[in-house]
Protein backbone atom coordinates (compact mmCIF):
# COMPACT_ATOMS: atom_id res chain seq x y z
CA MET A 1 0.00 0.00 0.00
CA PHE A 2 1.17 3.52 -0.79
CA LYS A 3 0.23 6.91 0.65
CA HIS A 4 0.02 8.21 -2.93
CA HIS A 5 0.25 6.43 -6.26
CA VAL A 6 1.04 8.80 -9.15
CA PHE A 7 0.37 7.73 -12.73
CA PHE A 8 1.96 9.64 -15.61
CA CYS A 9 0.39 9.24 -19.02
CA THR A 10 3.34 8.49 -21.27
CA ASN A 11 1.24 7.56 -24.27
CA GLN A 12 2.75 8.06 -27.72
CA ARG A 13 0.20 8.25 -30.53
CA THR A 14 1.31 7.59 -34.08
CA ASP A 15 -1.75 8.93 -35.88
CA GLY A 16 -0.99 12.64 -35.45
CA ARG A 17 -3.38 13.28 -32.57
CA LYS A 18 -2.05 15.08 -29.49
CA CYS A 19 -0.49 12.90 -26.84
CA CYS A 20 1.26 13.33 -23.53
CA GLN A 21 4.57 12.08 -24.89
CA ASP A 22 4.59 15.17 -27.16
CA HIS A 23 5.44 16.98 -23.90
CA ASP A 24 8.32 14.65 -22.96
CA ALA A 25 6.14 12.89 -20.41
CA GLN A 26 8.48 9.91 -19.95
CA SER A 27 11.45 12.05 -18.94
CA MET A 28 9.22 14.09 -16.63
CA ARG A 29 8.07 10.87 -14.97
CA ASP A 30 11.68 9.76 -14.68
CA TYR A 31 12.56 13.08 -13.06
CA LEU A 32 9.87 12.82 -10.37
CA LYS A 33 10.60 9.15 -9.72
CA LYS A 34 14.31 9.87 -9.26
CA LYS A 35 13.60 12.87 -7.03
CA THR A 36 11.30 10.91 -4.72
CA LYS A 37 13.91 8.16 -4.41
CA GLU A 38 16.70 10.66 -3.69
CA GLU A 39 14.58 12.32 -1.01
CA GLY A 40 13.66 9.00 0.62
CA LEU A 41 9.99 9.40 -0.25
CA SER A 42 9.45 6.26 -2.34
CA GLY A 43 8.51 2.77 -1.31
CA ARG A 44 5.83 1.04 0.72
CA GLY A 45 3.71 3.41 2.75
CA GLN A 46 5.06 6.38 0.85
CA LEU A 47 4.99 7.39 -2.83
CA ARG A 48 4.91 5.32 -5.98
CA ILE A 49 5.54 6.97 -9.37
CA ASN A 50 4.42 4.94 -12.41
CA SER A 51 3.97 5.21 -16.14
CA ALA A 52 0.49 4.62 -17.49
CA GLY A 53 -0.88 3.99 -20.90
CA CYS A 54 -3.34 6.45 -22.31
CA LEU A 55 -5.45 8.12 -19.61
CA ASP A 56 -7.77 9.48 -22.32
CA HIS A 57 -7.01 13.16 -21.66
CA CYS A 58 -4.06 13.59 -24.00
CA ALA A 59 -5.60 16.65 -25.68
CA GLN A 60 -5.28 18.38 -22.29
CA GLY A 61 -1.87 16.88 -21.61
CA PRO A 62 0.51 16.22 -20.28
CA VAL A 63 -1.52 14.48 -17.60
CA ILE A 64 -0.95 12.78 -14.26
CA VAL A 65 -3.45 11.36 -11.80
CA VAL A 66 -2.81 10.99 -8.07
CA TYR A 67 -4.49 8.21 -6.09
CA PRO A 68 -6.15 7.51 -3.75
CA GLU A 69 -7.72 10.97 -4.17
CA ALA A 70 -8.14 10.66 -7.96
CA VAL A 71 -6.81 14.19 -8.48
CA TRP A 72 -5.95 14.96 -12.11
CA TYR A 73 -3.18 17.40 -12.94
CA THR A 74 -1.48 18.85 -15.95
CA TYR A 75 2.04 20.28 -15.83
CA LYS A 76 4.43 22.23 -18.03
CA SER A 77 7.75 21.99 -16.23
CA ARG A 78 9.81 20.26 -13.57
CA GLU A 79 8.93 23.17 -11.31
CA ASP A 80 5.24 22.24 -11.65
CA LEU A 81 6.08 18.67 -10.66
CA ASP A 82 8.12 19.95 -7.72
CA GLU A 83 5.09 21.96 -6.61
CA ILE A 84 2.81 18.91 -6.87
CA LEU A 85 5.34 16.91 -4.84
CA GLU A 86 5.79 19.51 -2.11
CA THR A 87 2.23 20.81 -1.88
CA HIS A 88 0.09 17.73 -2.57
CA LEU A 89 2.14 14.59 -2.10
CA ILE A 90 3.97 15.82 1.00
CA GLY A 91 1.75 18.64 2.25
CA GLY A 92 -1.66 17.17 1.53
CA GLN A 93 -3.03 20.22 -0.32
CA VAL A 94 -4.29 20.14 -3.91
CA VAL A 95 -2.43 22.43 -6.32
CA GLU A 96 -5.46 24.24 -7.73
CA ARG A 97 -3.65 26.02 -10.57
CA LEU A 98 -2.51 22.71 -12.08
CA LEU A 99 -5.82 20.86 -11.88
CA LEU A 100 -6.97 19.35 -15.14
CA GLU A 101 -10.02 21.22 -16.40
């Protein structure tokens, strides 16, 4: 069991439609996963950062979803991910400005 389970859409579409991987989603996921490990925040009872297939919101991407709250976010930069980590995953407060609309 984890306190929070974060799924990054890393979907790559080949038909020309927008997708999260257009925004370098895999490297952004790798960044947050590495950061949580370095800060001792990953593992059982803590945080789990995973890749996901298509979360069906690619047009609004890039997209992550945080469970167990089922909070959907978009992000543009590593700084946005840092804010989600600090404010939501550690602090317990939703980052309103990054909520998926």
